[in-house]
C-alpha atoms as a PDB file:
ATOM      1  CA  MET A   1      29.208 -22.358  22.477  1.00  0.00           C
ATOM      2  CA  ASN A   2      25.991 -22.887  21.089  1.00  0.00           C
ATOM      3  CA  SER A   3      26.281 -22.716  16.938  1.00  0.00           C
ATOM      4  CA  GLU A   4      24.099 -20.663  14.575  1.00  0.00           C
ATOM      5  CA  PHE A   5      19.949 -21.188  14.498  1.00  0.00           C
ATOM      6  CA  GLU A   6      19.173 -21.355  11.195  1.00  0.00           C
ATOM      7  CA  ILE A   7      15.302 -21.825   9.970  1.00  0.00           C
ATOM      8  CA  GLY A   8      14.842 -21.443   6.016  1.00  0.00           C
ATOM      9  CA  PRO A   9      16.571 -18.401   4.379  1.00  0.00           C
ATOM     10  CA  ILE A  10      17.251 -17.145   8.445  1.00  0.00           C
ATOM     11  CA  SER A  11      20.364 -17.397  10.445  1.00  0.00           C
ATOM     12  CA  VAL A  12      20.614 -16.085  13.983  1.00  0.00           C
ATOM     13  CA  GLU A  13      24.208 -15.797  15.407  1.00  0.00           C
ATOM     14  CA  SER A  14      23.826 -17.255  19.162  1.00  0.00           C
ATOM     15  CA  GLY A  15      23.607 -14.988  21.769  1.00  0.00           C
ATOM     16  CA  SER A  16      21.210 -12.665  19.774  1.00  0.00           C
ATOM     17  CA  MET A  17      17.748 -11.531  19.649  1.00  0.00           C
ATOM     18  CA  VAL A  18      16.410 -11.009  15.882  1.00  0.00           C
ATOM     19  CA  CYS A  19      13.107  -9.630  14.634  1.00  0.00           C
ATOM     20  CA  THR A  20      12.635 -10.896  11.037  1.00  0.00           C
ATOM     21  CA  GLU A  21      10.259 -12.682   8.487  1.00  0.00           C
ATOM     22  CA  PHE A  22       9.722 -16.212   7.054  1.00  0.00           C
ATOM     23  CA  PRO A  23       8.750 -15.297   3.567  1.00  0.00           C
ATOM     24  CA  VAL A  24       5.657 -17.088   2.116  1.00  0.00           C
ATOM     25  CA  ILE A  25       4.296 -15.568  -1.442  1.00  0.00           C
ATOM     26  CA  LYS A  26       4.949 -12.655  -3.487  1.00  0.00           C
ATOM     27  CA  LYS A  27       1.962 -10.397  -3.736  1.00  0.00           C
ATOM     28  CA  PRO A  28       0.743  -9.172  -6.645  1.00  0.00           C
ATOM     29  CA  ASP A  29       2.544  -5.867  -5.796  1.00  0.00           C
ATOM     30  CA  GLY A  30       5.602  -7.611  -5.761  1.00  0.00           C
ATOM     31  CA  HIS A  31       6.456  -7.593  -1.884  1.00  0.00           C
ATOM     32  CA  PHE A  32       6.481 -10.749   0.055  1.00  0.00           C
ATOM     33  CA  LEU A  33       3.867 -11.684   2.347  1.00  0.00           C
ATOM     34  CA  SER A  34       6.000 -12.765   5.628  1.00  0.00           C
ATOM     35  CA  ILE A  35       5.416 -14.801   8.444  1.00  0.00           C
ATOM     36  CA  PRO A  36       6.868 -12.579  11.379  1.00  0.00           C
ATOM     37  CA  MET A  37       9.233 -13.781  13.709  1.00  0.00           C
ATOM     38  CA  MET A  38      11.152 -13.038  17.007  1.00  0.00           C
ATOM     39  CA  ILE A  39      14.057 -15.454  17.537  1.00  0.00           C
ATOM     40  CA  ALA A  40      16.169 -15.348  20.703  1.00  0.00           C
ATOM     41  CA  HIS A  41      19.115 -17.937  20.272  1.00  0.00           C
ATOM     42  CA  GLY A  42      21.102 -18.657  23.226  1.00  0.00           C
ATOM     43  CA  VAL A  43      24.713 -19.109  24.044  1.00  0.00           C
ATOM     44  CA  GLU A  44      24.482 -22.411  24.995  1.00  0.00           C
ATOM     45  CA  ASP A  45      22.293 -25.665  23.693  1.00  0.00           C
ATOM     46  CA  GLY A  46      18.943 -26.457  24.928  1.00  0.00           C
ATOM     47  CA  PRO A  47      15.642 -27.338  23.599  1.00  0.00           C
ATOM     48  CA  VAL A  48      13.789 -25.329  20.675  1.00  0.00           C
ATOM     49  CA  VAL A  49      10.318 -23.793  21.889  1.00  0.00           C
ATOM     50  CA  LEU A  50       8.012 -22.743  19.410  1.00  0.00           C
ATOM     51  CA  ALA A  51       5.394 -20.443  20.485  1.00  0.00           C
ATOM     52  CA  MET A  52       2.745 -18.916  18.000  1.00  0.00           C
ATOM     53  CA  GLY A  53       0.013 -16.555  18.521  1.00  0.00           C
ATOM     54  CA  GLY A  54      -2.322 -14.710  16.255  1.00  0.00           C
ATOM     55  CA  CYS A  55      -3.719 -17.694  13.882  1.00  0.00           C
ATOM     56  CA  HIS A  56      -6.943 -16.017  13.780  1.00  0.00           C
ATOM     57  CA  GLY A  57      -7.167 -11.899  13.396  1.00  0.00           C
ATOM     58  CA  ASP A  58      -9.073 -11.253  16.344  1.00  0.00           C
ATOM     59  CA  GLU A  59      -6.740 -13.117  18.836  1.00  0.00           C
ATOM     60  CA  ILE A  60      -4.430 -10.464  20.383  1.00  0.00           C
ATOM     61  CA  GLU A  61      -3.689 -11.919  23.697  1.00  0.00           C
ATOM     62  CA  GLY A  62      -1.232 -14.956  22.475  1.00  0.00           C
ATOM     63  CA  PRO A  63       0.704 -11.990  20.286  1.00  0.00           C
ATOM     64  CA  ARG A  64       0.855 -10.165  23.288  1.00  0.00           C
ATOM     65  CA  ALA A  65       2.312 -12.399  25.397  1.00  0.00           C
ATOM     66  CA  ILE A  66       4.510 -14.063  23.013  1.00  0.00           C
ATOM     67  CA  ILE A  67       5.905  -9.891  22.384  1.00  0.00           C
ATOM     68  CA  THR A  68       6.495  -9.511  25.966  1.00  0.00           C
ATOM     69  CA  ILE A  69       8.440 -12.848  26.407  1.00  0.00           C
ATOM     70  CA  ALA A  70      10.875 -12.561  23.437  1.00  0.00           C
ATOM     71  CA  ARG A  71      11.814  -8.898  24.615  1.00  0.00           C
ATOM     72  CA  GLU A  72      12.282  -9.873  28.063  1.00  0.00           C
ATOM     73  CA  ILE A  73      14.807 -12.810  27.154  1.00  0.00           C
ATOM     74  CA  ASP A  74      18.218 -12.064  27.566  1.00  0.00           C
ATOM     75  CA  PRO A  75      19.925 -14.253  24.878  1.00  0.00           C
ATOM     76  CA  ASN A  76      23.306 -14.031  26.597  1.00  0.00           C
ATOM     77  CA  ARG A  77      21.935 -16.199  29.318  1.00  0.00           C
ATOM     78  CA  LEU A  78      19.535 -18.442  27.390  1.00  0.00           C
ATOM     79  CA  LYS A  79      19.995 -21.955  26.984  1.00  0.00           C
ATOM     80  CA  GLY A  80      18.011 -23.361  23.424  1.00  0.00           C
ATOM     81  CA  THR A  81      15.940 -21.082  21.489  1.00  0.00           C
ATOM     82  CA  PHE A  82      12.962 -19.304  21.721  1.00  0.00           C
ATOM     83  CA  LEU A  83      11.273 -18.935  18.631  1.00  0.00           C
ATOM     84  CA  GLY A  84       8.278 -16.590  18.754  1.00  0.00           C
ATOM     85  CA  ILE A  85       5.821 -16.107  15.961  1.00  0.00           C
ATOM     86  CA  PRO A  86       3.403 -13.430  17.359  1.00  0.00           C
ATOM     87  CA  PHE A  87       0.948 -13.488  14.260  1.00  0.00           C
ATOM     88  CA  VAL A  88       0.331 -16.258  12.037  1.00  0.00           C
ATOM     89  CA  ASN A  89      -2.054 -14.852  10.227  1.00  0.00           C
ATOM     90  CA  VAL A  90      -1.049 -11.072   9.300  1.00  0.00           C
ATOM     91  CA  PRO A  91      -3.615 -10.401   6.927  1.00  0.00           C
ATOM     92  CA  GLY A  92      -6.524 -11.328   9.260  1.00  0.00           C
ATOM     93  CA  LEU A  93      -4.822  -9.017  12.108  1.00  0.00           C
ATOM     94  CA  VAL A  94      -4.718  -6.249   9.534  1.00  0.00           C
ATOM     95  CA  GLN A  95      -8.551  -6.640   7.825  1.00  0.00           C
ATOM     96  CA  ARG A  96      -9.723  -6.368  12.013  1.00  0.00           C
ATOM     97  CA  ALA A  97      -7.488  -3.118  12.384  1.00  0.00           C
ATOM     98  CA  SER A  98      -8.690  -1.450   9.363  1.00  0.00           C
ATOM     99  CA  VAL A  99     -12.328  -1.663   8.779  1.00  0.00           C
ATOM    100  CA  GLN A 100     -13.147  -3.096  12.325  1.00  0.00           C
ATOM    101  CA  VAL A 101     -14.179  -6.318  11.514  1.00  0.00           C
ATOM    102  CA  CYS A 102     -14.284  -7.661  15.007  1.00  0.00           C
ATOM    103  CA  SER A 103     -14.835 -11.216  13.795  1.00  0.00           C
ATOM    104  CA  ARG A 104     -12.421 -11.655  10.906  1.00  0.00           C
ATOM    105  CA  ARG A 105     -10.881 -14.788  12.055  1.00  0.00           C
ATOM    106  CA  GLU A 106     -10.167 -16.324   8.848  1.00  0.00           C
ATOM    107  CA  ASN A 107      -7.489 -15.102   6.141  1.00  0.00           C
ATOM    108  CA  PRO A 108      -9.407 -12.175   4.249  1.00  0.00           C
ATOM    109  CA  ILE A 109      -7.227 -13.411   1.052  1.00  0.00           C
ATOM    110  CA  ASP A 110      -8.404 -16.494   0.985  1.00  0.00           C
ATOM    111  CA  PHE A 111     -11.149 -16.689   3.833  1.00  0.00           C
ATOM    112  CA  LYS A 112      -9.889 -19.979   5.110  1.00  0.00           C
ATOM    113  CA  ASP A 113      -9.609 -20.592   8.585  1.00  0.00           C
ATOM    114  CA  ILE A 114      -5.885 -21.974   9.022  1.00  0.00           C
ATOM    115  CA  SER A 115      -7.206 -24.444  12.437  1.00  0.00           C
ATOM    116  CA  PRO A 116      -8.826 -26.826  10.152  1.00  0.00           C
ATOM    117  CA  VAL A 117      -6.332 -26.318   7.095  1.00  0.00           C
ATOM    118  CA  PHE A 118      -3.309 -27.987   8.689  1.00  0.00           C
ATOM    119  CA  PRO A 119      -1.003 -29.756   7.650  1.00  0.00           C
ATOM    120  CA  GLY A 120      -1.832 -27.174   4.395  1.00  0.00           C
ATOM    121  CA  SER A 121       0.195 -27.579   0.720  1.00  0.00           C
ATOM    122  CA  PRO A 122       3.543 -25.774  -0.374  1.00  0.00           C
ATOM    123  CA  GLU A 123       1.323 -25.042  -3.653  1.00  0.00           C
ATOM    124  CA  GLY A 124      -2.067 -24.082  -2.184  1.00  0.00           C
ATOM    125  CA  THR A 125      -3.597 -20.425  -1.272  1.00  0.00           C
ATOM    126  CA  ILE A 126      -2.077 -18.686   1.484  1.00  0.00           C
ATOM    127  CA  THR A 127      -3.344 -19.913   4.593  1.00  0.00           C
ATOM    128  CA  GLU A 128      -2.139 -23.623   2.892  1.00  0.00           C
ATOM    129  CA  ARG A 129       1.083 -22.244   2.533  1.00  0.00           C
ATOM    130  CA  VAL A 130       1.434 -20.638   5.797  1.00  0.00           C
ATOM    131  CA  SER A 131       0.187 -23.913   7.208  1.00  0.00           C
ATOM    132  CA  ASP A 132       2.795 -26.253   5.248  1.00  0.00           C
ATOM    133  CA  ILE A 133       5.614 -23.565   6.646  1.00  0.00           C
ATOM    134  CA  ILE A 134       4.773 -24.678  10.110  1.00  0.00           C
ATOM    135  CA  CYS A 135       4.040 -28.064   9.709  1.00  0.00           C
ATOM    136  CA  ASN A 136       7.197 -28.680   7.502  1.00  0.00           C
ATOM    137  CA  THR A 137       9.956 -25.956   8.308  1.00  0.00           C
ATOM    138  CA  LEU A 138       9.141 -24.859  11.893  1.00  0.00           C
ATOM    139  CA  LEU A 139       8.033 -27.862  13.477  1.00  0.00           C
ATOM    140  CA  ASP A 140      10.986 -29.876  12.225  1.00  0.00           C
ATOM    141  CA  VAL A 141      13.052 -27.613  14.098  1.00  0.00           C
ATOM    142  CA  ALA A 142      10.968 -27.436  17.242  1.00  0.00           C
ATOM    143  CA  ASP A 143      11.284 -29.553  20.480  1.00  0.00           C
ATOM    144  CA  TYR A 144       8.017 -28.035  21.803  1.00  0.00           C
ATOM    145  CA  CYS A 145       5.608 -26.398  20.288  1.00  0.00           C
ATOM    146  CA  LEU A 146       2.837 -23.932  21.562  1.00  0.00           C
ATOM    147  CA  ASP A 147      -0.575 -22.516  19.895  1.00  0.00           C
ATOM    148  CA  LEU A 148      -2.161 -19.586  22.076  1.00  0.00           C
ATOM    149  CA  HIS A 149      -5.840 -18.702  21.048  1.00  0.00           C
ATOM    150  CA  SER A 150      -8.462 -16.744  22.788  1.00  0.00           C
ATOM    151  CA  GLY A 151     -12.622 -16.338  22.138  1.00  0.00           C
ATOM    152  CA  GLY A 152     -11.518 -13.176  19.476  1.00  0.00           C
ATOM    153  CA  GLY A 153     -14.507 -11.526  18.375  1.00  0.00           C
ATOM    154  CA  MET A 154     -16.849 -14.470  18.510  1.00  0.00           C
ATOM    155  CA  GLY A 155     -17.563 -14.694  21.742  1.00  0.00           C
ATOM    156  CA  GLY A 156     -16.207 -15.544  25.291  1.00  0.00           C
ATOM    157  CA  VAL A 157     -14.155 -18.539  26.750  1.00  0.00           C
ATOM    158  CA  ILE A 158     -12.527 -19.469  29.732  1.00  0.00           C
ATOM    159  CA  SER A 159      -9.007 -19.933  29.972  1.00  0.00           C
ATOM    160  CA  LEU A 160      -7.563 -23.522  29.311  1.00  0.00           C
ATOM    161  CA  ALA A 161      -4.304 -24.985  29.243  1.00  0.00           C
ATOM    162  CA  GLY A 162      -4.621 -27.536  27.141  1.00  0.00           C
ATOM    163  CA  PHE A 163      -2.612 -30.806  26.855  1.00  0.00           C
ATOM    164  CA  CYS A 164      -2.271 -34.220  24.398  1.00  0.00           C
ATOM    165  CA  ASP A 165      -3.750 -37.019  26.706  1.00  0.00           C
ATOM    166  CA  GLU A 166      -1.334 -39.653  25.201  1.00  0.00           C
ATOM    167  CA  PRO A 167       0.452 -42.270  27.172  1.00  0.00           C
ATOM    168  CA  GLY A 168       4.223 -42.242  27.742  1.00  0.00           C
ATOM    169  CA  ASP A 169       6.898 -39.858  27.711  1.00  0.00           C
ATOM    170  CA  TYR A 170       5.131 -37.506  24.974  1.00  0.00           C
ATOM    171  CA  GLY A 171       2.130 -36.935  26.809  1.00  0.00           C
ATOM    172  CA  LYS A 172       3.660 -36.552  30.048  1.00  0.00           C
ATOM    173  CA  LYS A 173       5.774 -33.640  28.964  1.00  0.00           C
ATOM    174  CA  SER A 174       2.433 -31.850  26.974  1.00  0.00           C
ATOM    175  CA  PHE A 175       0.893 -32.434  30.609  1.00  0.00           C
ATOM    176  CA  GLU A 176       3.541 -30.992  32.012  1.00  0.00           C
ATOM    177  CA  MET A 177       3.479 -27.627  29.924  1.00  0.00           C
ATOM    178  CA  ALA A 178      -0.042 -27.407  31.038  1.00  0.00           C
ATOM    179  CA  TRP A 179       0.679 -27.699  34.263  1.00  0.00           C
ATOM    180  CA  VAL A 180       3.101 -24.812  34.744  1.00  0.00           C
ATOM    181  CA  PHE A 181       0.461 -22.377  33.004  1.00  0.00           C
ATOM    182  CA  PRO A 182      -1.095 -20.407  35.791  1.00  0.00           C
ATOM    183  CA  ILE A 183      -4.776 -21.477  34.742  1.00  0.00           C
ATOM    184  CA  GLU A 184      -7.004 -23.395  37.096  1.00  0.00           C
ATOM    185  CA  VAL A 185      -8.471 -25.273  34.262  1.00  0.00           C
ATOM    186  CA  LEU A 186      -6.945 -27.901  32.268  1.00  0.00           C
ATOM    187  CA  TRP A 187      -8.068 -29.408  28.860  1.00  0.00           C
ATOM    188  CA  GLN A 188      -7.520 -32.705  27.318  1.00  0.00           C
ATOM    189  CA  VAL A 189      -7.047 -31.048  23.446  1.00  0.00           C
ATOM    190  CA  PRO A 190      -8.686 -33.190  21.272  1.00  0.00           C
ATOM    191  CA  GLY A 191      -7.397 -34.298  18.025  1.00  0.00           C
ATOM    192  CA  ALA A 192     -10.417 -34.152  15.891  1.00  0.00           C
ATOM    193  CA  ASP A 193     -11.119 -30.454  16.273  1.00  0.00           C
ATOM    194  CA  CYS A 194      -7.088 -29.774  16.584  1.00  0.00           C
ATOM    195  CA  PRO A 195      -5.413 -31.029  13.424  1.00  0.00           C
ATOM    196  CA  LEU A 196      -1.874 -29.184  14.524  1.00  0.00           C
ATOM    197  CA  ARG A 197      -2.397 -31.201  17.943  1.00  0.00           C
ATOM    198  CA  ASP A 198      -2.077 -34.695  15.684  1.00  0.00           C
ATOM    199  CA  ILE A 199       0.421 -33.053  13.478  1.00  0.00           C
ATOM    200  CA  ALA A 200       3.115 -31.979  16.594  1.00  0.00           C
ATOM    201  CA  HIS A 201       2.217 -35.395  17.796  1.00  0.00           C
ATOM    202  CA  LYS A 202       3.128 -37.500  15.014  1.00  0.00           C
ATOM    203  CA  LYS A 203       6.240 -35.558  15.005  1.00  0.00           C
ATOM    204  CA  ASN A 204       6.860 -36.086  18.354  1.00  0.00           C
ATOM    205  CA  VAL A 205       6.729 -32.705  19.241  1.00  0.00           C
ATOM    206  CA  PRO A 206       5.037 -32.157  22.647  1.00  0.00           C
ATOM    207  CA  PHE A 207       1.684 -29.709  22.787  1.00  0.00           C
ATOM    208  CA  PHE A 208       0.335 -27.162  24.153  1.00  0.00           C
ATOM    209  CA  ASN A 209      -2.931 -25.438  23.227  1.00  0.00           C
ATOM    210  CA  GLY A 210      -4.232 -22.413  25.328  1.00  0.00           C
ATOM    211  CA  GLU A 211      -7.219 -20.627  25.513  1.00  0.00           C
ATOM    212  CA  ALA A 212      -7.548 -17.284  26.980  1.00  0.00           C
ATOM    213  CA  PHE A 213     -10.398 -15.137  28.137  1.00  0.00           C
ATOM    214  CA  ASP A 214     -10.714 -11.917  27.003  1.00  0.00           C
ATOM    215  CA  GLY A 215      -8.108  -9.815  27.122  1.00  0.00           C
ATOM    216  CA  GLU A 216      -6.032 -11.947  29.806  1.00  0.00           C
ATOM    217  CA  VAL A 217      -2.816 -11.803  28.539  1.00  0.00           C
ATOM    218  CA  GLU A 218      -1.204 -12.416  32.175  1.00  0.00           C
ATOM    219  CA  PRO A 219      -1.265 -15.868  32.450  1.00  0.00           C
ATOM    220  CA  TYR A 220       0.122 -16.446  28.756  1.00  0.00           C
ATOM    221  CA  ILE A 221       3.414 -14.328  30.122  1.00  0.00           C
ATOM    222  CA  VAL A 222       3.810 -15.812  33.412  1.00  0.00           C
ATOM    223  CA  GLY A 223       2.637 -19.600  31.697  1.00  0.00           C
ATOM    224  CA  LEU A 224       5.476 -19.126  28.970  1.00  0.00           C
ATOM    225  CA  ARG A 225       8.001 -17.652  31.775  1.00  0.00           C
ATOM    226  CA  ASN A 226       7.580 -20.901  34.263  1.00  0.00           C
ATOM    227  CA  LEU A 227       8.035 -22.619  30.925  1.00  0.00           C
ATOM    228  CA  LEU A 228      11.503 -21.597  30.171  1.00  0.00           C
ATOM    229  CA  LYS A 229      12.364 -22.354  33.500  1.00  0.00           C
ATOM    230  CA  HIS A 230      10.717 -25.418  33.775  1.00  0.00           C
ATOM    231  CA  LEU A 231      12.974 -26.472  30.800  1.00  0.00           C
ATOM    232  CA  SER A 232      15.902 -24.813  32.431  1.00  0.00           C
ATOM    233  CA  MET A 233      16.049 -22.813  29.477  1.00  0.00           C
ATOM    234  CA  VAL A 234      16.502 -19.717  32.182  1.00  0.00           C
ATOM    235  CA  GLU A 235      16.970 -19.278  35.677  1.00  0.00           C
ATOM    236  CA  GLY A 236      14.224 -18.663  38.397  1.00  0.00           C
ATOM    237  CA  THR A 237      11.463 -20.469  40.132  1.00  0.00           C
ATOM    238  CA  MET A 238       7.923 -20.776  38.401  1.00  0.00           C
ATOM    239  CA  GLU A 239       5.260 -18.667  39.919  1.00  0.00           C
ATOM    240  CA  GLY A 240       1.438 -18.714  39.987  1.00  0.00           C
ATOM    241  CA  ILE A 241       1.001 -21.929  39.220  1.00  0.00           C
ATOM    242  CA  PRO A 242      -2.745 -22.358  41.226  1.00  0.00           C
ATOM    243  CA  SER A 243      -2.703 -24.629  44.500  1.00  0.00           C
ATOM    244  CA  LYS A 244      -6.664 -26.140  43.147  1.00  0.00           C
ATOM    245  CA  ARG A 245      -7.497 -27.262  39.602  1.00  0.00           C
ATOM    246  CA  ARG A 246     -10.402 -28.724  37.615  1.00  0.00           C
ATOM    247  CA  CYS A 247      -9.706 -30.913  34.114  1.00  0.00           C
ATOM    248  CA  VAL A 248     -11.824 -31.250  31.460  1.00  0.00           C
ATOM    249  CA  GLY A 249     -12.600 -33.552  28.179  1.00  0.00           C
ATOM    250  CA  PRO A 250     -12.864 -32.561  25.005  1.00  0.00           C
ATOM    251  CA  GLU A 251     -15.231 -29.647  24.479  1.00  0.00           C
ATOM    252  CA  VAL A 252     -18.800 -30.513  22.647  1.00  0.00           C
ATOM    253  CA  ARG A 253     -19.336 -27.659  20.064  1.00  0.00           C
ATOM    254  CA  ILE A 254     -22.945 -26.312  20.175  1.00  0.00           C
ATOM    255  CA  SER A 255     -24.683 -24.844  17.266  1.00  0.00           C
ATOM    256  CA  CYS A 256     -27.699 -22.946  16.648  1.00  0.00           C
ATOM    257  CA  ARG A 257     -30.382 -23.721  14.084  1.00  0.00           C
ATOM    258  CA  SER A 258     -32.124 -20.476  13.766  1.00  0.00           C
ATOM    259  CA  ALA A 259     -31.233 -16.810  12.893  1.00  0.00           C
ATOM    260  CA  GLY A 260     -31.851 -13.877  15.556  1.00  0.00           C
ATOM    261  CA  LEU A 261     -30.363 -12.308  18.495  1.00  0.00           C
ATOM    262  CA  VAL A 262     -28.885 -14.487  21.524  1.00  0.00           C
ATOM    263  CA  ILE A 263     -29.803 -14.410  25.271  1.00  0.00           C
ATOM    264  CA  PRO A 264     -27.150 -16.083  27.448  1.00  0.00           C
ATOM    265  CA  HIS A 265     -28.125 -17.877  30.587  1.00  0.00           C
ATOM    266  CA  ARG A 266     -25.211 -19.144  31.841  1.00  0.00           C
ATOM    267  CA  LYS A 267     -21.799 -17.712  33.198  1.00  0.00           C
ATOM    268  CA  LEU A 268     -18.488 -19.201  31.605  1.00  0.00           C
ATOM    269  CA  GLY A 269     -17.166 -21.780  34.112  1.00  0.00           C
ATOM    270  CA  GLU A 270     -20.955 -22.369  35.600  1.00  0.00           C
ATOM    271  CA  SER A 271     -21.547 -26.185  36.136  1.00  0.00           C
ATOM    272  CA  VAL A 272     -24.590 -27.229  34.186  1.00  0.00           C
ATOM    273  CA  SER A 273     -26.425 -30.975  33.755  1.00  0.00           C
ATOM    274  CA  ARG A 274     -27.572 -32.213  30.550  1.00  0.00           C
ATOM    275  CA  GLY A 275     -30.978 -30.649  29.494  1.00  0.00           C
ATOM    276  CA  ASP A 276     -29.908 -27.273  31.657  1.00  0.00           C
ATOM    277  CA  LEU A 277     -30.879 -24.171  29.494  1.00  0.00           C
ATOM    278  CA  LEU A 278     -27.785 -22.540  27.703  1.00  0.00           C
ATOM    279  CA  LEU A 279     -29.046 -19.827  25.711  1.00  0.00           C
ATOM    280  CA  THR A 280     -32.089 -18.795  23.712  1.00  0.00           C
ATOM    281  CA  ILE A 281     -32.448 -17.104  20.505  1.00  0.00           C
ATOM    282  CA  THR A 282     -35.282 -14.733  19.559  1.00  0.00           C
ATOM    283  CA  ASP A 283     -36.249 -12.828  16.650  1.00  0.00           C
ATOM    284  CA  ILE A 284     -36.005  -9.468  15.857  1.00  0.00           C
ATOM    285  CA  TYR A 285     -39.570  -8.526  17.737  1.00  0.00           C
ATOM    286  CA  GLY A 286     -38.254 -10.701  20.756  1.00  0.00           C
ATOM    287  CA  ASN A 287     -40.039 -13.625  20.097  1.00  0.00           C
ATOM    288  CA  GLU A 288     -38.312 -16.876  21.040  1.00  0.00           C
ATOM    289  CA  VAL A 289     -37.515 -18.949  17.945  1.00  0.00           C
ATOM    290  CA  GLU A 290     -34.807 -21.616  19.956  1.00  0.00           C
ATOM    291  CA  ARG A 291     -33.961 -22.712  23.115  1.00  0.00           C
ATOM    292  CA  ILE A 292     -30.455 -24.524  23.326  1.00  0.00           C
ATOM    293  CA  GLU A 293     -29.497 -26.706  26.143  1.00  0.00           C
ATOM    294  CA  SER A 294     -26.509 -28.306  27.570  1.00  0.00           C
ATOM    295  CA  PRO A 295     -26.303 -31.997  25.707  1.00  0.00           C
ATOM    296  CA  ILE A 296     -24.348 -33.135  28.551  1.00  0.00           C
ATOM    297  CA  ASN A 297     -23.435 -32.917  32.603  1.00  0.00           C
ATOM    298  CA  GLY A 298     -20.398 -30.440  32.834  1.00  0.00           C
ATOM    299  CA  ILE A 299     -18.494 -26.897  32.591  1.00  0.00           C
ATOM    300  CA  VAL A 300     -19.276 -24.329  29.724  1.00  0.00           C
ATOM    301  CA  THR A 301     -16.232 -23.118  28.526  1.00  0.00           C
ATOM    302  CA  GLY A 302     -17.573 -20.723  25.637  1.00  0.00           C
ATOM    303  CA  ILE A 303     -20.483 -18.817  25.289  1.00  0.00           C
ATOM    304  CA  ARG A 304     -21.546 -16.171  22.691  1.00  0.00           C
ATOM    305  CA  ARG A 305     -21.757 -12.879  24.604  1.00  0.00           C
ATOM    306  CA  THR A 306     -23.946 -10.381  24.460  1.00  0.00           C
ATOM    307  CA  LYS A 307     -22.707  -7.972  22.357  1.00  0.00           C
ATOM    308  CA  GLU A 308     -21.828 -10.480  19.668  1.00  0.00           C
ATOM    309  CA  SER A 309     -25.837 -11.534  19.977  1.00  0.00           C
ATOM    310  CA  LEU A 310     -26.407 -12.123  16.365  1.00  0.00           C
ATOM    311  CA  VAL A 311     -26.277 -15.267  14.697  1.00  0.00           C
ATOM    312  CA  TRP A 312     -27.427 -16.954  11.649  1.00  0.00           C
ATOM    313  CA  PRO A 313     -28.353 -21.169  11.476  1.00  0.00           C
ATOM    314  CA  GLY A 314     -25.179 -23.212  11.868  1.00  0.00           C
ATOM    315  CA  ASP A 315     -23.135 -20.580  13.836  1.00  0.00           C
ATOM    316  CA  THR A 316     -21.308 -21.993  16.970  1.00  0.00           C
ATOM    317  CA  VAL A 317     -23.160 -19.955  20.286  1.00  0.00           C
ATOM    318  CA  ALA A 318     -21.315 -22.446  23.567  1.00  0.00           C
ATOM    319  CA  PHE A 319     -18.963 -25.340  24.336  1.00  0.00           C
ATOM    320  CA  VAL A 320     -19.301 -27.573  26.812  1.00  0.00           C
ATOM    321  CA  ALA A 321     -16.905 -29.650  28.332  1.00  0.00           C
ATOM    322  CA  GLU A 322     -17.082 -32.759  30.430  1.00  0.00           C
ATOM    323  CA  LEU A 323     -15.094 -32.400  34.541  1.00  0.00           C
ATOM    324  CA  ILE A 324     -12.572 -35.533  34.480  1.00  0.00           C
ATOM    325  CA  LYS A 325     -12.551 -36.457  38.003  1.00  0.00           C
ATOM    326  CA  GLU A 326      -8.996 -39.040  37.322  1.00  0.00           C
ATOM    327  CA  GLY A 327      -7.241 -39.175  34.152  1.00  0.00           C
ATOM    328  CA  ARG A 328      -4.124 -40.331  32.894  1.00  0.00           C
ATOM    329  CA  TYR A 329      -2.110 -37.548  34.641  1.00  0.00           C
ATOM    330  CA  PHE A 330      -4.410 -35.522  36.512  1.00  0.00           C
ATOM    331  CA  PRO A 331      -4.692 -34.848  39.282  1.00  0.00           C
ATOM    332  CA  LYS A 332      -0.877 -35.109  40.220  1.00  0.00           C
ATOM    333  CA  ARG A 333      -0.196 -36.268  43.782  1.00  0.00           C
ATOM    334  CA  GLY A 334      -1.217 -33.737  46.376  1.00  0.00           C
ATOM    335  CA  GLN A 335      -2.799 -31.623  44.040  1.00  0.00           C
ATOM    336  CA  VAL A 336      -6.719 -30.741  45.459  1.00  0.00           C
ATOM    337  CA  VAL A 337      -9.458 -30.694  42.839  1.00  0.00           C
END
């Protein structure tokens, strides 16, 4: 029989699912600003899977998948614990919903993006404190960690199943996490652009980083189900794993030097060669002010959409990643590439 699951001030009995909140800091009105949690704690021992979404307020795909999975789990048939954090950045979500700022990725209280803030600080701003709780409380009880993202309001991205390309058992477990998601393109997640990846690695918690195409929730839902089956937390057969896959290395982030309106010339997932035109930027009269070319051979993994066409100098306008023909774990034996 499994014992109670405890995390901070929260305690969950075996065979139950609770929706609760982890307090972070008191607001000026005296109420707590908290991290919402959906915890399914099984009746038998097993791993703890931490799944997080909504780090950016304009990314809804991860939260919808986490909510769906948490609500469909039967804790009386579960081995282990599913710890779902549907919305890490609740203020960003509220800001987006209330004033329709579709690119409100940051926390509107301290104007910080949590991704580069990890590991945060227990005495810092609200984003730094949330980051500290994730790194020094949640990761400390987790056996596996998933961080689910999408392009949000900033632009389109292709769906990516990201893993840590590290040697040994850790890297193998991380790769297997990515493998069970029904996403064609696997992605070697770089530590430089994802501090949480390196923190999870140091704590020996296998890490998955996902990117979802605009509005595509189902790959995350199926992938989470598959992972629970893969870890023998629930019974069932995995589904939807692609018969043909590609793998890309770390993305190259491409920024613009000029302000203006973006005209994309490439589609997501399209192969490009070094020097190929990706986008042009015009002024408000249609005069071309900048041509942006691919710096490498690879595929387009992200690009500004026409509806989000206004940019300022230094804004990210595209991502390109090199195709990996053969790596430490890719391709798997018998896999078509």
